[in-house]
């Protein structure tokens, strides 16, 4: 167990009035225990109580053993997976991880009708929102690798290249820099860029296309995530106008990020730049999301967010304008809130580029 992280979680359990919670998400288990287990259909659950004790329950196939401060209770395939867990929980409220399969929760409720399941993800989620020194170093490293990969991808633009070719190149470049796995990289030419989540296909690059690279992957378990938009061979006045609006929106929000500033305010700052420029209806998503062991994790960076910037928070700032049938522009950095402002983790330039 990481005892410093455990103490932070149990403090938040007490604040929430939760004496016991179950942690089951792969990433949250890794955050607290250092074990990376993808259980698939099998059960794994960390039972925490507000006094700081922890017990890990899971299938013997995971290859885990008891360690100091963290006993492991194993079951086999064919066993009732929640039987031992049901014996360990206390009556009353039990905080449940939002990702726990209903088949396990229902099984536990059948065993223990005296247990009242309640939403229990917040103590871990809120703790994970502010990164410790080790995590901050990991996020800086993964973002530095992302800068290198986007530079390689932009340099690979050439006549006849396809979106999916460049997506594959991005994955190769990430793997060469220590990425944990390949990902679904977003490479969008021309009108395809008007879909914020277009997945690269066989579309061929042509002169005048905007090119969006939204690239992301975990490196040593911590995600990078950035977006750059460039133009191939030529850029129209309309494309230039849209690009500069998005860049100004990105930079205005980043300049305002500092401890105590509501994340909803950052969303509003970026949105106002784009709205005042006449393209408000075409900025169709929130400004950003938290990033860490999960690519998308709390806090939410939107007009509805109730989170406030605090030192150690890492989140994306990614305004965009999407014009159906024409093109799209998105510019995204990860930023880390510091004691007196924010550190922009991505260093790849944001000045408008016409490639080739």
Protein backbone atom coordinates (compact mmCIF):
# COMPACT_ATOMS: atom_id res chain seq x y z
CA UNK A 1 0.00 0.00 0.00
CA UNK A 2 1.03 3.58 -0.59
CA UNK A 3 0.38 4.78 2.94
CA UNK A 4 0.51 8.49 2.14
CA UNK A 5 -2.18 8.07 -0.52
CA UNK A 6 -4.18 5.79 1.79
CA UNK A 7 -4.19 8.46 4.51
CA UNK A 8 -5.49 11.04 2.06
CA UNK A 9 -8.27 8.68 0.95
CA UNK A 10 -9.34 7.75 4.48
CA UNK A 11 -9.44 11.43 5.45
CA UNK A 12 -11.89 12.03 2.63
CA UNK A 13 -13.89 8.96 3.65
CA UNK A 14 -14.39 10.54 7.07
CA UNK A 15 -15.39 13.85 5.49
CA UNK A 16 -17.99 11.99 3.42
CA UNK A 17 -19.29 10.03 6.42
CA UNK A 18 -18.16 6.71 4.95
CA UNK A 19 -16.69 4.14 7.33
CA UNK A 20 -16.00 1.60 4.57
CA UNK A 21 -15.63 1.63 0.79
CA UNK A 22 -14.81 -0.83 -1.99
CA UNK A 23 -12.19 0.20 -4.57
CA UNK A 24 -12.42 -1.92 -7.73
CA UNK A 25 -11.28 0.20 -10.71
CA UNK A 26 -7.97 -1.04 -12.15
CA UNK A 27 -6.45 2.44 -12.11
CA UNK A 28 -7.52 3.25 -8.56
CA UNK A 29 -6.23 -0.10 -7.30
CA UNK A 30 -2.90 0.65 -8.97
CA UNK A 31 -2.86 4.13 -7.41
CA UNK A 32 -3.21 2.70 -3.90
CA UNK A 33 -1.47 -0.68 -4.08
CA UNK A 34 0.95 -0.57 -7.01
CA UNK A 35 -0.74 -3.70 -8.46
CA UNK A 36 -1.98 -3.44 -12.05
CA UNK A 37 -4.70 -6.06 -12.50
CA UNK A 38 -7.18 -6.15 -15.37
CA UNK A 39 -9.74 -8.60 -13.96
CA UNK A 40 -12.05 -8.73 -16.99
CA UNK A 41 -15.08 -10.77 -15.85
CA UNK A 42 -13.49 -11.82 -12.56
CA UNK A 43 -13.76 -9.94 -9.26
CA UNK A 44 -11.14 -7.88 -7.51
CA UNK A 45 -11.99 -5.46 -4.69
CA UNK A 46 -10.03 -3.51 -2.09
CA UNK A 47 -11.98 -3.06 1.14
CA UNK A 48 -10.91 0.07 3.02
CA UNK A 49 -12.16 1.30 6.34
CA UNK A 50 -11.81 4.83 7.65
CA UNK A 51 -9.36 3.64 10.31
CA UNK A 52 -6.83 2.86 7.58
CA UNK A 53 -7.03 -0.92 7.35
CA UNK A 54 -7.13 -2.53 3.91
CA UNK A 55 -7.89 -6.03 2.61
CA UNK A 56 -7.65 -7.09 -1.03
CA UNK A 57 -10.05 -9.75 -2.36
CA UNK A 58 -9.55 -11.40 -5.76
CA UNK A 59 -9.13 -14.47 -7.88
CA UNK A 60 -6.01 -16.59 -7.35
CA UNK A 61 -5.33 -16.32 -11.10
CA UNK A 62 -4.18 -12.73 -10.54
CA UNK A 63 -1.00 -14.05 -8.92
CA UNK A 64 -1.20 -11.72 -5.91
CA UNK A 65 0.01 -12.54 -2.39
CA UNK A 66 -0.41 -10.96 1.02
CA UNK A 67 2.01 -8.15 1.82
CA UNK A 68 2.65 -6.15 4.99
CA UNK A 69 -0.39 -3.96 5.55
CA UNK A 70 -2.31 -5.58 2.72
CA UNK A 71 -3.62 -9.12 3.22
CA UNK A 72 -4.88 -10.84 0.08
CA UNK A 73 -7.93 -13.11 0.31
CA UNK A 74 -8.12 -15.41 -2.73
CA UNK A 75 -10.93 -17.35 -4.32
CA UNK A 76 -10.87 -19.76 -7.26
CA UNK A 77 -12.82 -20.01 -10.48
CA UNK A 78 -16.08 -21.74 -9.60
CA UNK A 79 -16.24 -20.20 -6.11
CA UNK A 80 -18.79 -17.60 -5.14
CA UNK A 81 -16.56 -14.53 -5.73
CA UNK A 82 -18.25 -12.31 -3.12
CA UNK A 83 -18.67 -14.88 -0.33
CA UNK A 84 -15.48 -13.97 1.57
CA UNK A 85 -15.98 -10.27 0.96
CA UNK A 86 -19.52 -10.51 2.33
CA UNK A 87 -18.13 -11.87 5.59
CA UNK A 88 -15.72 -8.94 5.96
CA UNK A 89 -17.96 -5.93 5.36
CA UNK A 90 -19.76 -4.26 8.24
CA UNK A 91 -23.50 -3.55 8.36
CA UNK A 92 -24.71 -0.12 7.28
CA UNK A 93 -23.39 2.14 4.54
CA UNK A 94 -20.82 0.73 2.14
CA UNK A 95 -19.31 3.02 -0.49
CA UNK A 96 -19.25 1.28 -3.88
CA UNK A 97 -16.85 2.07 -6.70
CA UNK A 98 -18.78 3.37 -9.71
CA UNK A 99 -17.14 0.77 -11.95
CA UNK A 100 -18.03 -2.35 -9.95
CA UNK A 101 -20.08 -4.84 -11.95
CA UNK A 102 -23.69 -5.10 -10.89
CA UNK A 103 -23.41 -8.92 -10.80
CA UNK A 104 -20.98 -8.62 -7.86
CA UNK A 105 -22.94 -5.88 -6.12
CA UNK A 106 -26.18 -7.85 -6.39
CA UNK A 107 -24.42 -10.94 -5.07
CA UNK A 108 -23.12 -8.99 -2.09
CA UNK A 109 -26.57 -7.56 -1.38
CA UNK A 110 -28.05 -11.08 -1.38
CA UNK A 111 -25.42 -12.22 1.13
CA UNK A 112 -25.71 -9.08 3.24
CA UNK A 113 -29.14 -7.44 3.20
CA UNK A 114 -28.00 -5.35 6.18
CA UNK A 115 -25.51 -3.48 3.96
CA UNK A 116 -26.64 -0.22 2.32
CA UNK A 117 -24.67 0.45 -0.91
CA UNK A 118 -24.00 4.13 -1.63
CA UNK A 119 -21.87 5.95 -4.19
CA UNK A 120 -18.32 5.65 -2.89
CA UNK A 121 -15.89 6.69 -5.62
CA UNK A 122 -15.33 10.27 -4.47
CA UNK A 123 -12.75 9.66 -1.71
CA UNK A 124 -10.37 8.09 -4.23
CA UNK A 125 -11.37 10.25 -7.20
CA UNK A 126 -10.90 13.51 -5.29
CA UNK A 127 -7.55 12.33 -3.90
CA UNK A 128 -6.35 11.38 -7.37
CA UNK A 129 -7.21 14.85 -8.73
CA UNK A 130 -4.11 16.38 -7.11
CA UNK A 131 -0.94 14.62 -8.19
CA UNK A 132 1.95 13.96 -5.83
CA UNK A 133 5.58 14.62 -6.81
CA UNK A 134 6.06 11.19 -8.40
CA UNK A 135 2.94 11.62 -10.51
CA UNK A 136 3.87 15.14 -11.57
CA UNK A 137 7.22 13.87 -12.87
CA UNK A 138 5.43 11.05 -14.73
CA UNK A 139 3.00 13.49 -16.36
CA UNK A 140 5.82 15.78 -17.45
CA UNK A 141 7.66 12.86 -19.00
CA UNK A 142 4.66 11.49 -20.91
CA UNK A 143 3.84 14.96 -22.25
CA UNK A 144 7.44 15.47 -23.38
CA UNK A 145 7.19 12.21 -25.32
CA UNK A 146 3.91 13.39 -26.82
CA UNK A 147 5.60 16.55 -28.09
CA UNK A 148 8.16 14.40 -29.90
CA UNK A 149 5.51 12.15 -31.41
CA UNK A 150 3.34 14.96 -32.74
CA UNK A 151 6.45 16.50 -34.34
CA UNK A 152 7.19 13.18 -36.08
CA UNK A 153 3.57 12.87 -37.25
CA UNK A 154 3.47 16.38 -38.70
CA UNK A 155 6.80 15.77 -40.45
CA UNK A 156 5.26 12.69 -42.11
CA UNK A 157 2.59 14.67 -44.00
CA UNK A 158 3.07 14.03 -47.74
CA UNK A 159 1.04 13.61 -50.92
CA UNK A 160 -1.16 10.51 -50.90
CA UNK A 161 -0.83 9.71 -47.20
CA UNK A 162 -3.95 8.31 -45.48
CA UNK A 163 -5.33 9.14 -42.05
CA UNK A 164 -4.95 5.55 -40.85
CA UNK A 165 -1.32 5.44 -42.03
CA UNK A 166 -0.51 8.39 -39.84
CA UNK A 167 -2.47 6.93 -36.91
CA UNK A 168 -0.33 3.78 -37.19
CA UNK A 169 2.82 5.90 -37.37
CA UNK A 170 1.79 7.72 -34.19
CA UNK A 171 1.44 4.41 -32.37
CA UNK A 172 4.86 3.22 -33.57
CA UNK A 173 6.44 6.48 -32.43
CA UNK A 174 4.79 6.16 -29.02
CA UNK A 175 5.94 2.56 -28.59
CA UNK A 176 9.49 3.59 -29.47
CA UNK A 177 9.33 6.06 -26.58
CA UNK A 178 8.15 3.62 -23.94
CA UNK A 179 4.37 3.67 -24.34
CA UNK A 180 2.51 0.92 -22.52
CA UNK A 181 0.33 0.08 -25.54
CA UNK A 182 -1.05 1.33 -28.81
CA UNK A 183 -4.13 3.52 -28.83
CA UNK A 184 -6.87 4.77 -31.12
CA UNK A 185 -5.18 7.90 -32.42
CA UNK A 186 -7.36 10.63 -33.92
CA UNK A 187 -6.05 11.85 -37.29
CA UNK A 188 -8.55 13.94 -39.24
CA UNK A 189 -8.20 15.52 -42.69
CA UNK A 190 -10.39 18.36 -43.93
CA UNK A 191 -14.12 17.81 -43.37
CA UNK A 192 -13.40 14.83 -41.13
CA UNK A 193 -12.05 17.31 -38.59
CA UNK A 194 -15.56 18.63 -38.06
CA UNK A 195 -16.26 15.42 -36.10
CA UNK A 196 -14.47 15.88 -32.75
CA UNK A 197 -14.01 12.11 -32.35
CA UNK A 198 -13.44 11.03 -35.95
CA UNK A 199 -11.38 7.86 -36.06
CA UNK A 200 -8.79 7.79 -38.83
CA UNK A 201 -9.82 5.94 -41.99
CA UNK A 202 -8.58 5.66 -45.58
CA UNK A 203 -9.18 9.34 -46.37
CA UNK A 204 -6.28 10.69 -48.45
CA UNK A 205 -4.64 14.04 -47.70
CA UNK A 206 -5.20 16.81 -50.24
CA UNK A 207 -4.00 20.43 -50.57
CA UNK A 208 -5.93 22.87 -48.38
CA UNK A 209 -6.89 20.28 -45.78
CA UNK A 210 -6.75 21.09 -42.12
CA UNK A 211 -5.07 18.21 -40.30
CA UNK A 212 -5.97 17.46 -36.67
CA UNK A 213 -3.70 15.22 -34.62
CA UNK A 214 -5.28 14.34 -31.26
CA UNK A 215 -2.83 11.81 -29.87
CA UNK A 216 -2.73 10.10 -26.47
CA UNK A 217 -1.41 6.98 -24.77
CA UNK A 218 -0.19 5.85 -21.33
CA UNK A 219 3.56 5.88 -20.70
CA UNK A 220 4.55 4.10 -17.47
CA UNK A 221 0.81 4.11 -16.64
CA UNK A 222 0.40 7.90 -16.91
CA UNK A 223 -1.37 9.34 -19.91
CA UNK A 224 -0.35 12.08 -22.28
CA UNK A 225 -2.99 13.85 -24.36
CA UNK A 226 -2.53 16.72 -26.79
CA UNK A 227 -3.96 18.08 -30.03
CA UNK A 228 -2.39 20.17 -32.77
CA UNK A 229 -3.98 21.35 -36.01
CA UNK A 230 -1.92 22.25 -39.07
CA UNK A 231 -2.75 22.94 -42.73
CA UNK A 232 -1.43 21.14 -45.78
CA UNK A 233 0.16 23.26 -48.56
CA UNK A 234 -2.28 26.17 -48.27
CA UNK A 235 -4.60 27.87 -45.78
CA UNK A 236 -7.67 29.96 -46.52
CA UNK A 237 -8.59 33.20 -44.77
CA UNK A 238 -11.51 31.41 -43.08
CA UNK A 239 -9.28 28.62 -41.85
CA UNK A 240 -6.78 31.16 -40.54
CA UNK A 241 -9.55 33.10 -38.75
CA UNK A 242 -10.87 29.96 -37.05
CA UNK A 243 -7.41 28.76 -36.10
CA UNK A 244 -6.44 32.03 -34.46
CA UNK A 245 -9.70 32.12 -32.48
CA UNK A 246 -9.08 28.63 -31.13
CA UNK A 247 -5.48 29.45 -30.27
CA UNK A 248 -6.53 32.60 -28.43
CA UNK A 249 -9.19 30.65 -26.53
CA UNK A 250 -6.65 28.01 -25.52
CA UNK A 251 -4.09 30.56 -24.36
CA UNK A 252 -6.64 32.74 -22.54
CA UNK A 253 -7.88 29.81 -20.46
CA UNK A 254 -4.34 28.69 -19.67
CA UNK A 255 -3.34 32.21 -18.62
CA UNK A 256 -6.23 32.28 -16.12
CA UNK A 257 -5.54 28.89 -14.52
CA UNK A 258 -4.27 29.28 -10.96
CA UNK A 259 -5.25 28.04 -7.48
CA UNK A 260 -8.72 29.13 -6.43
CA UNK A 261 -10.10 29.67 -9.94
CA UNK A 262 -13.23 27.60 -10.67
CA UNK A 263 -12.83 25.28 -13.64
CA UNK A 264 -16.21 26.49 -14.89
CA UNK A 265 -14.64 29.94 -15.18
CA UNK A 266 -11.88 28.60 -17.43
CA UNK A 267 -14.49 27.02 -19.69
CA UNK A 268 -16.32 30.35 -19.81
CA UNK A 269 -13.16 32.30 -20.68
CA UNK A 270 -12.37 30.07 -23.66
CA UNK A 271 -15.99 29.93 -24.77
CA UNK A 272 -16.31 33.73 -24.70
CA UNK A 273 -13.35 34.15 -27.06
CA UNK A 274 -14.94 31.82 -29.59
CA UNK A 275 -18.44 33.23 -29.12
CA UNK A 276 -17.24 36.82 -29.52
CA UNK A 277 -15.51 35.69 -32.71
CA UNK A 278 -18.85 34.51 -34.14
CA UNK A 279 -18.38 30.73 -33.84
CA UNK A 280 -19.93 29.99 -30.45
CA UNK A 281 -22.38 27.30 -31.67
CA UNK A 282 -19.48 25.36 -33.21
CA UNK A 283 -17.59 24.87 -29.94
CA UNK A 284 -19.61 21.78 -29.09
CA UNK A 285 -17.88 20.17 -26.10
CA UNK A 286 -16.48 21.03 -22.67
CA UNK A 287 -13.11 22.73 -22.40
CA UNK A 288 -11.35 19.71 -20.95
CA UNK A 289 -10.98 16.86 -18.50
CA UNK A 290 -8.63 15.63 -15.81
CA UNK A 291 -5.81 13.36 -16.90
CA UNK A 292 -3.52 10.97 -15.03
CA UNK A 293 -3.66 7.19 -14.64
CA UNK A 294 -6.86 7.47 -16.69
CA UNK A 295 -6.90 9.61 -19.80
CA UNK A 296 -10.30 10.97 -18.76
CA UNK A 297 -10.70 11.34 -15.01
CA UNK A 298 -11.94 14.02 -12.60
CA UNK A 299 -12.04 16.95 -12.57
CA UNK A 300 -14.51 17.89 -15.28
CA UNK A 301 -13.53 21.16 -16.96
CA UNK A 302 -16.88 22.50 -18.11
CA UNK A 303 -19.44 25.14 -17.35
CA UNK A 304 -21.16 22.67 -15.02
CA UNK A 305 -18.03 21.79 -13.02
CA UNK A 306 -17.98 22.54 -9.30
CA UNK A 307 -14.22 21.87 -9.00
CA UNK A 308 -11.71 24.62 -8.24
CA UNK A 309 -8.08 24.74 -9.41
CA UNK A 310 -5.66 23.40 -6.80
CA UNK A 311 -1.90 22.77 -6.96
CA UNK A 312 -1.16 19.40 -8.53
CA UNK A 313 -4.30 19.20 -10.66
CA UNK A 314 -3.62 18.13 -14.24
CA UNK A 315 -6.26 18.70 -16.91
CA UNK A 316 -6.64 19.38 -20.60
CA UNK A 317 -7.43 22.73 -22.18
CA UNK A 318 -8.81 21.89 -25.61
CA UNK A 319 -11.15 24.40 -27.24
CA UNK A 320 -12.29 23.65 -30.78
CA UNK A 321 -14.41 24.88 -33.65
CA UNK A 322 -16.12 22.31 -35.90
CA UNK A 323 -17.73 23.41 -39.16
CA UNK A 324 -19.73 20.52 -40.69
CA UNK A 325 -18.74 19.75 -44.25
CA UNK A 326 -15.77 22.15 -44.10
CA UNK A 327 -13.07 21.52 -41.48
CA UNK A 328 -12.30 21.58 -37.78
CA UNK A 329 -9.65 23.08 -35.53
CA UNK A 330 -8.73 21.93 -32.02
CA UNK A 331 -5.69 22.89 -29.92
CA UNK A 332 -5.07 20.96 -26.72
CA UNK A 333 -2.47 21.06 -23.98
CA UNK A 334 -2.27 19.36 -20.63
CA UNK A 335 -1.71 21.88 -17.84
CA UNK A 336 -0.61 21.35 -14.25
CA UNK A 337 -1.78 23.83 -11.63
CA UNK A 338 1.14 25.23 -9.60
CA UNK A 339 1.25 27.31 -6.42
CA UNK A 340 0.82 30.55 -8.34
CA UNK A 341 -0.41 29.66 -11.84
CA UNK A 342 -0.12 26.70 -14.16
CA UNK A 343 2.58 24.83 -16.02
CA UNK A 344 1.73 23.98 -19.62
CA UNK A 345 3.09 20.47 -20.04
CA UNK A 346 3.07 20.46 -23.85
CA UNK A 347 5.76 22.55 -25.51
CA UNK A 348 5.11 21.87 -29.21
CA UNK A 349 4.45 25.26 -30.87
CA UNK A 350 0.92 26.54 -31.41
CA UNK A 351 1.65 29.13 -34.11
CA UNK A 352 -0.25 28.40 -37.33
CA UNK A 353 1.72 26.06 -39.60
CA UNK A 354 1.29 25.37 -43.31
CA UNK A 355 3.09 22.11 -44.08
CA UNK A 356 4.57 21.26 -47.48
